[in-house]
Amino acid sequence: MTFSGALTILMYALTPFLWPIAAGVVALVVVHLLARLRGYRMMAYRCPGASLAAMAAGVSALWWIPAFTHSRLAYVSSVFDWVAMIAAIIGMSLVVWLALHPFSYLLRGRRSRFL
């Protein structure tokens, strides 16, 4: 299969989900803007709970991504399949972390220097 053929199949697979993806991106940007306006800095604020939740979401992707695509984990057999699965897991973890990290800042507010 050529690269352009793979991109064509990917676009046909993503077309029904473009509006939910766009809504998720808008929600992510809004949360980041609100947190930024309240003083959030990504590298200065630490929340281990957001990191643990992102790792848990990434590991759970091994179960629900094949279920979402009407497949099985046993069908992931070639190197390309595993690379795609690992990329999906890393992407899921990153998106969850990007959503939860500023959201936890908004919920907790500023931490005192002495705590």
N, C-alpha and C. Protein backbone atom coordinates (compact mmCIF):
# COMPACT_ATOMS: atom_id res chain seq x y z
N MET A 1 0.84 -1.17 0.00
CA MET A 1 0.00 0.00 0.00
C MET A 1 0.90 1.24 0.00
N THR A 2 0.53 2.19 -0.82
CA THR A 2 1.31 3.43 -0.89
C THR A 2 0.95 4.34 0.28
N PHE A 3 1.79 5.34 0.49
CA PHE A 3 1.56 6.29 1.57
C PHE A 3 0.29 7.10 1.32
N SER A 4 0.08 7.51 0.08
CA SER A 4 -1.14 8.27 -0.24
C SER A 4 -2.38 7.40 -0.08
N GLY A 5 -2.27 6.11 -0.35
CA GLY A 5 -3.39 5.20 -0.13
C GLY A 5 -3.72 5.07 1.35
N ALA A 6 -2.69 5.02 2.19
CA ALA A 6 -2.92 4.95 3.64
C ALA A 6 -3.55 6.23 4.16
N LEU A 7 -3.13 7.39 3.62
CA LEU A 7 -3.74 8.65 4.03
C LEU A 7 -5.19 8.76 3.58
N THR A 8 -5.49 8.21 2.40
CA THR A 8 -6.87 8.21 1.92
C THR A 8 -7.76 7.38 2.83
N ILE A 9 -7.29 6.21 3.22
CA ILE A 9 -8.06 5.36 4.14
C ILE A 9 -8.22 6.05 5.48
N LEU A 10 -7.17 6.71 5.95
CA LEU A 10 -7.24 7.43 7.23
C LEU A 10 -8.27 8.56 7.16
N MET A 11 -8.31 9.30 6.08
CA MET A 11 -9.29 10.38 5.95
C MET A 11 -10.71 9.84 5.91
N TYR A 12 -10.95 8.73 5.22
CA TYR A 12 -12.28 8.14 5.22
C TYR A 12 -12.67 7.63 6.60
N ALA A 13 -11.69 7.15 7.36
CA ALA A 13 -11.99 6.67 8.71
C ALA A 13 -12.25 7.82 9.68
N LEU A 14 -11.58 8.96 9.48
CA LEU A 14 -11.73 10.09 10.39
C LEU A 14 -12.90 11.01 10.06
N THR A 15 -13.41 10.97 8.86
CA THR A 15 -14.47 11.88 8.43
C THR A 15 -15.68 11.91 9.35
N PRO A 16 -16.21 10.77 9.81
CA PRO A 16 -17.38 10.86 10.70
C PRO A 16 -17.06 11.47 12.06
N PHE A 17 -15.79 11.54 12.43
CA PHE A 17 -15.41 12.00 13.76
C PHE A 17 -14.79 13.40 13.75
N LEU A 18 -14.88 14.12 12.63
CA LEU A 18 -14.24 15.43 12.56
C LEU A 18 -14.88 16.43 13.51
N TRP A 19 -16.21 16.44 13.65
CA TRP A 19 -16.85 17.38 14.56
C TRP A 19 -16.51 17.09 16.02
N PRO A 20 -16.54 15.85 16.49
CA PRO A 20 -16.11 15.62 17.87
C PRO A 20 -14.64 15.95 18.11
N ILE A 21 -13.80 15.71 17.11
CA ILE A 21 -12.38 16.06 17.25
C ILE A 21 -12.24 17.58 17.33
N ALA A 22 -12.96 18.31 16.49
CA ALA A 22 -12.90 19.77 16.52
C ALA A 22 -13.43 20.31 17.85
N ALA A 23 -14.51 19.73 18.37
CA ALA A 23 -15.05 20.16 19.65
C ALA A 23 -14.06 19.89 20.78
N GLY A 24 -13.37 18.76 20.73
CA GLY A 24 -12.36 18.46 21.74
C GLY A 24 -11.19 19.43 21.69
N VAL A 25 -10.77 19.80 20.49
CA VAL A 25 -9.67 20.76 20.36
C VAL A 25 -10.10 22.13 20.90
N VAL A 26 -11.33 22.54 20.60
CA VAL A 26 -11.84 23.82 21.11
C VAL A 26 -11.89 23.79 22.64
N ALA A 27 -12.40 22.70 23.22
CA ALA A 27 -12.47 22.58 24.68
C ALA A 27 -11.07 22.61 25.30
N LEU A 28 -10.13 21.96 24.67
CA LEU A 28 -8.74 21.95 25.16
C LEU A 28 -8.14 23.35 25.13
N VAL A 29 -8.37 24.08 24.06
CA VAL A 29 -7.85 25.45 23.94
C VAL A 29 -8.52 26.36 24.98
N VAL A 30 -9.82 26.21 25.19
CA VAL A 30 -10.52 27.04 26.17
C VAL A 30 -9.99 26.79 27.58
N VAL A 31 -9.79 25.53 27.94
CA VAL A 31 -9.26 25.22 29.27
C VAL A 31 -7.86 25.81 29.44
N HIS A 32 -7.03 25.70 28.42
CA HIS A 32 -5.69 26.26 28.50
C HIS A 32 -5.71 27.78 28.59
N LEU A 33 -6.58 28.42 27.85
CA LEU A 33 -6.67 29.89 27.91
C LEU A 33 -7.16 30.36 29.27
N LEU A 34 -8.19 29.70 29.82
CA LEU A 34 -8.68 30.08 31.14
C LEU A 34 -7.61 29.89 32.21
N ALA A 35 -6.92 28.78 32.15
CA ALA A 35 -5.87 28.52 33.13
C ALA A 35 -4.72 29.51 32.96
N ARG A 36 -4.39 29.83 31.74
CA ARG A 36 -3.30 30.77 31.48
C ARG A 36 -3.65 32.16 32.02
N LEU A 37 -4.90 32.55 31.87
CA LEU A 37 -5.34 33.84 32.39
C LEU A 37 -5.29 33.89 33.92
N ARG A 38 -5.40 32.74 34.57
CA ARG A 38 -5.34 32.68 36.04
C ARG A 38 -3.93 32.42 36.56
N GLY A 39 -2.94 32.40 35.69
CA GLY A 39 -1.56 32.28 36.13
C GLY A 39 -0.91 30.92 35.90
N TYR A 40 -1.54 30.06 35.16
CA TYR A 40 -1.01 28.71 34.91
C TYR A 40 0.22 28.78 34.00
N ARG A 41 1.26 28.08 34.40
CA ARG A 41 2.44 27.88 33.57
C ARG A 41 2.71 26.39 33.53
N MET A 42 2.78 25.83 32.35
CA MET A 42 2.83 24.38 32.19
C MET A 42 4.02 23.75 32.91
N MET A 43 5.19 24.32 32.79
CA MET A 43 6.38 23.71 33.37
C MET A 43 6.58 24.10 34.84
N ALA A 44 5.88 25.12 35.31
CA ALA A 44 6.05 25.54 36.70
C ALA A 44 5.08 24.84 37.64
N TYR A 45 3.97 24.36 37.14
CA TYR A 45 2.94 23.71 37.97
C TYR A 45 3.08 22.20 37.86
N ARG A 46 3.01 21.52 38.98
CA ARG A 46 3.11 20.06 38.98
C ARG A 46 1.86 19.45 39.59
N CYS A 47 1.35 18.44 38.94
CA CYS A 47 0.20 17.70 39.46
C CYS A 47 0.42 16.23 39.15
N PRO A 48 0.88 15.46 40.15
CA PRO A 48 1.11 14.03 39.90
C PRO A 48 -0.17 13.27 39.55
N GLY A 49 -1.30 13.75 40.05
CA GLY A 49 -2.57 13.09 39.73
C GLY A 49 -2.90 13.13 38.25
N ALA A 50 -2.62 14.26 37.62
CA ALA A 50 -2.86 14.38 36.17
C ALA A 50 -1.93 13.45 35.40
N SER A 51 -0.69 13.33 35.86
CA SER A 51 0.26 12.44 35.18
C SER A 51 -0.15 10.98 35.34
N LEU A 52 -0.59 10.60 36.54
CA LEU A 52 -1.03 9.22 36.76
C LEU A 52 -2.29 8.90 35.96
N ALA A 53 -3.21 9.86 35.91
CA ALA A 53 -4.44 9.64 35.13
C ALA A 53 -4.11 9.51 33.64
N ALA A 54 -3.14 10.28 33.16
CA ALA A 54 -2.75 10.19 31.75
C ALA A 54 -2.13 8.83 31.45
N MET A 55 -1.29 8.34 32.37
CA MET A 55 -0.70 7.00 32.16
C MET A 55 -1.78 5.92 32.20
N ALA A 56 -2.73 6.05 33.10
CA ALA A 56 -3.82 5.06 33.18
C ALA A 56 -4.68 5.09 31.91
N ALA A 57 -4.92 6.28 31.38
CA ALA A 57 -5.69 6.38 30.13
C ALA A 57 -4.92 5.77 28.98
N GLY A 58 -3.61 5.95 28.96
CA GLY A 58 -2.79 5.35 27.90
C GLY A 58 -2.82 3.84 27.96
N VAL A 59 -2.70 3.28 29.16
CA VAL A 59 -2.74 1.83 29.30
C VAL A 59 -4.14 1.29 28.97
N SER A 60 -5.17 2.04 29.37
CA SER A 60 -6.53 1.58 29.06
C SER A 60 -6.80 1.60 27.56
N ALA A 61 -6.02 2.38 26.81
CA ALA A 61 -6.20 2.43 25.36
C ALA A 61 -5.93 1.07 24.71
N LEU A 62 -5.11 0.25 25.35
CA LEU A 62 -4.89 -1.11 24.83
C LEU A 62 -6.18 -1.91 24.79
N TRP A 63 -7.12 -1.58 25.66
CA TRP A 63 -8.39 -2.30 25.69
C TRP A 63 -9.42 -1.65 24.77
N TRP A 64 -9.57 -0.32 24.85
CA TRP A 64 -10.71 0.28 24.16
C TRP A 64 -10.43 0.69 22.72
N ILE A 65 -9.19 0.91 22.32
CA ILE A 65 -8.94 1.24 20.90
C ILE A 65 -9.31 0.06 20.00
N PRO A 66 -8.89 -1.17 20.30
CA PRO A 66 -9.36 -2.28 19.45
C PRO A 66 -10.88 -2.47 19.52
N ALA A 67 -11.48 -2.25 20.69
CA ALA A 67 -12.93 -2.37 20.79
C ALA A 67 -13.63 -1.28 19.97
N PHE A 68 -13.07 -0.08 19.96
CA PHE A 68 -13.64 1.03 19.22
C PHE A 68 -13.57 0.79 17.71
N THR A 69 -12.53 0.12 17.27
CA THR A 69 -12.35 -0.15 15.84
C THR A 69 -12.91 -1.51 15.42
N HIS A 70 -13.64 -2.15 16.32
CA HIS A 70 -14.22 -3.48 16.07
C HIS A 70 -13.15 -4.49 15.69
N SER A 71 -12.09 -4.50 16.46
CA SER A 71 -10.96 -5.38 16.22
C SER A 71 -10.61 -6.09 17.52
N ARG A 72 -9.48 -6.74 17.52
CA ARG A 72 -8.96 -7.40 18.72
C ARG A 72 -7.48 -7.09 18.82
N LEU A 73 -6.99 -7.13 20.05
CA LEU A 73 -5.57 -6.89 20.26
C LEU A 73 -4.73 -8.00 19.61
N ALA A 74 -5.31 -9.18 19.46
CA ALA A 74 -4.60 -10.28 18.82
C ALA A 74 -4.32 -10.01 17.34
N TYR A 75 -5.11 -9.10 16.73
CA TYR A 75 -4.91 -8.77 15.32
C TYR A 75 -3.74 -7.82 15.10
N VAL A 76 -3.23 -7.25 16.17
CA VAL A 76 -2.08 -6.34 16.07
C VAL A 76 -0.84 -7.23 15.99
N SER A 77 -0.43 -7.54 14.77
CA SER A 77 0.62 -8.54 14.61
C SER A 77 1.89 -8.02 13.95
N SER A 78 1.75 -7.07 13.04
CA SER A 78 2.95 -6.61 12.34
C SER A 78 3.62 -5.47 13.10
N VAL A 79 4.81 -5.14 12.69
CA VAL A 79 5.55 -4.05 13.32
C VAL A 79 4.81 -2.73 13.11
N PHE A 80 4.27 -2.51 11.93
CA PHE A 80 3.53 -1.28 11.66
C PHE A 80 2.30 -1.18 12.55
N ASP A 81 1.61 -2.30 12.77
CA ASP A 81 0.44 -2.30 13.65
C ASP A 81 0.82 -1.90 15.07
N TRP A 82 1.93 -2.44 15.57
CA TRP A 82 2.37 -2.11 16.93
C TRP A 82 2.85 -0.67 17.02
N VAL A 83 3.50 -0.17 15.98
CA VAL A 83 3.91 1.23 15.99
C VAL A 83 2.68 2.14 16.01
N ALA A 84 1.67 1.81 15.24
CA ALA A 84 0.43 2.60 15.24
C ALA A 84 -0.26 2.52 16.60
N MET A 85 -0.27 1.34 17.21
CA MET A 85 -0.91 1.19 18.53
C MET A 85 -0.15 1.98 19.59
N ILE A 86 1.16 1.92 19.56
CA ILE A 86 1.97 2.65 20.54
C ILE A 86 1.81 4.16 20.33
N ALA A 87 1.74 4.59 19.07
CA ALA A 87 1.53 6.01 18.80
C ALA A 87 0.15 6.46 19.31
N ALA A 88 -0.86 5.62 19.16
CA ALA A 88 -2.19 5.95 19.67
C ALA A 88 -2.19 6.02 21.19
N ILE A 89 -1.46 5.13 21.85
CA ILE A 89 -1.37 5.14 23.31
C ILE A 89 -0.65 6.40 23.79
N ILE A 90 0.45 6.74 23.16
CA ILE A 90 1.19 7.95 23.55
C ILE A 90 0.35 9.19 23.27
N GLY A 91 -0.32 9.21 22.14
CA GLY A 91 -1.19 10.34 21.82
C GLY A 91 -2.33 10.49 22.80
N MET A 92 -2.93 9.37 23.20
CA MET A 92 -4.02 9.42 24.18
C MET A 92 -3.51 9.93 25.52
N SER A 93 -2.36 9.45 25.94
CA SER A 93 -1.78 9.91 27.20
C SER A 93 -1.49 11.40 27.16
N LEU A 94 -0.95 11.87 26.05
CA LEU A 94 -0.62 13.28 25.91
C LEU A 94 -1.86 14.15 25.93
N VAL A 95 -2.90 13.76 25.23
CA VAL A 95 -4.14 14.54 25.19
C VAL A 95 -4.78 14.59 26.57
N VAL A 96 -4.81 13.45 27.27
CA VAL A 96 -5.39 13.43 28.62
C VAL A 96 -4.57 14.32 29.55
N TRP A 97 -3.25 14.26 29.46
CA TRP A 97 -2.42 15.10 30.31
C TRP A 97 -2.63 16.58 29.98
N LEU A 98 -2.70 16.91 28.69
CA LEU A 98 -2.91 18.30 28.29
C LEU A 98 -4.27 18.83 28.74
N ALA A 99 -5.25 17.96 28.90
CA ALA A 99 -6.56 18.39 29.37
C ALA A 99 -6.61 18.47 30.89
N LEU A 100 -6.06 17.48 31.58
CA LEU A 100 -6.19 17.43 33.03
C LEU A 100 -5.23 18.35 33.77
N HIS A 101 -4.07 18.57 33.24
CA HIS A 101 -3.06 19.38 33.94
C HIS A 101 -3.55 20.82 34.18
N PRO A 102 -4.00 21.56 33.15
CA PRO A 102 -4.50 22.91 33.43
C PRO A 102 -5.84 22.89 34.17
N PHE A 103 -6.64 21.85 33.94
CA PHE A 103 -7.93 21.74 34.63
C PHE A 103 -7.71 21.55 36.13
N SER A 104 -6.70 20.77 36.51
CA SER A 104 -6.41 20.60 37.93
C SER A 104 -5.91 21.91 38.53
N TYR A 105 -5.20 22.71 37.76
CA TYR A 105 -4.77 24.02 38.24
C TYR A 105 -5.97 24.92 38.50
N LEU A 106 -6.94 24.86 37.60
CA LEU A 106 -8.15 25.66 37.80
C LEU A 106 -8.93 25.21 39.02
N LEU A 107 -8.95 23.91 39.27
CA LEU A 107 -9.69 23.41 40.43
C LEU A 107 -8.96 23.68 41.74
N ARG A 108 -7.65 23.56 41.76
CA ARG A 108 -6.88 23.74 42.98
C ARG A 108 -6.55 25.20 43.25
N GLY A 109 -6.39 25.97 42.23
CA GLY A 109 -5.96 27.34 42.41
C GLY A 109 -4.47 27.38 42.65
N ARG A 110 -4.00 28.50 43.11
CA ARG A 110 -2.56 28.63 43.37
C ARG A 110 -2.19 27.91 44.64
N ARG A 111 -1.08 27.25 44.60
CA ARG A 111 -0.56 26.57 45.79
C ARG A 111 0.28 27.55 46.58
N SER A 112 0.21 27.42 47.86
CA SER A 112 1.03 28.24 48.70
C SER A 112 2.48 27.79 48.61
N ARG A 113 3.38 28.70 48.77
CA ARG A 113 4.80 28.38 48.70
C ARG A 113 5.23 27.51 49.88
N PHE A 114 4.49 27.56 50.96
CA PHE A 114 4.89 26.90 52.19
C PHE A 114 4.26 25.52 52.35
N LEU A 115 3.43 25.07 51.41
CA LEU A 115 2.80 23.75 51.54
C LEU A 115 3.59 22.69 50.83
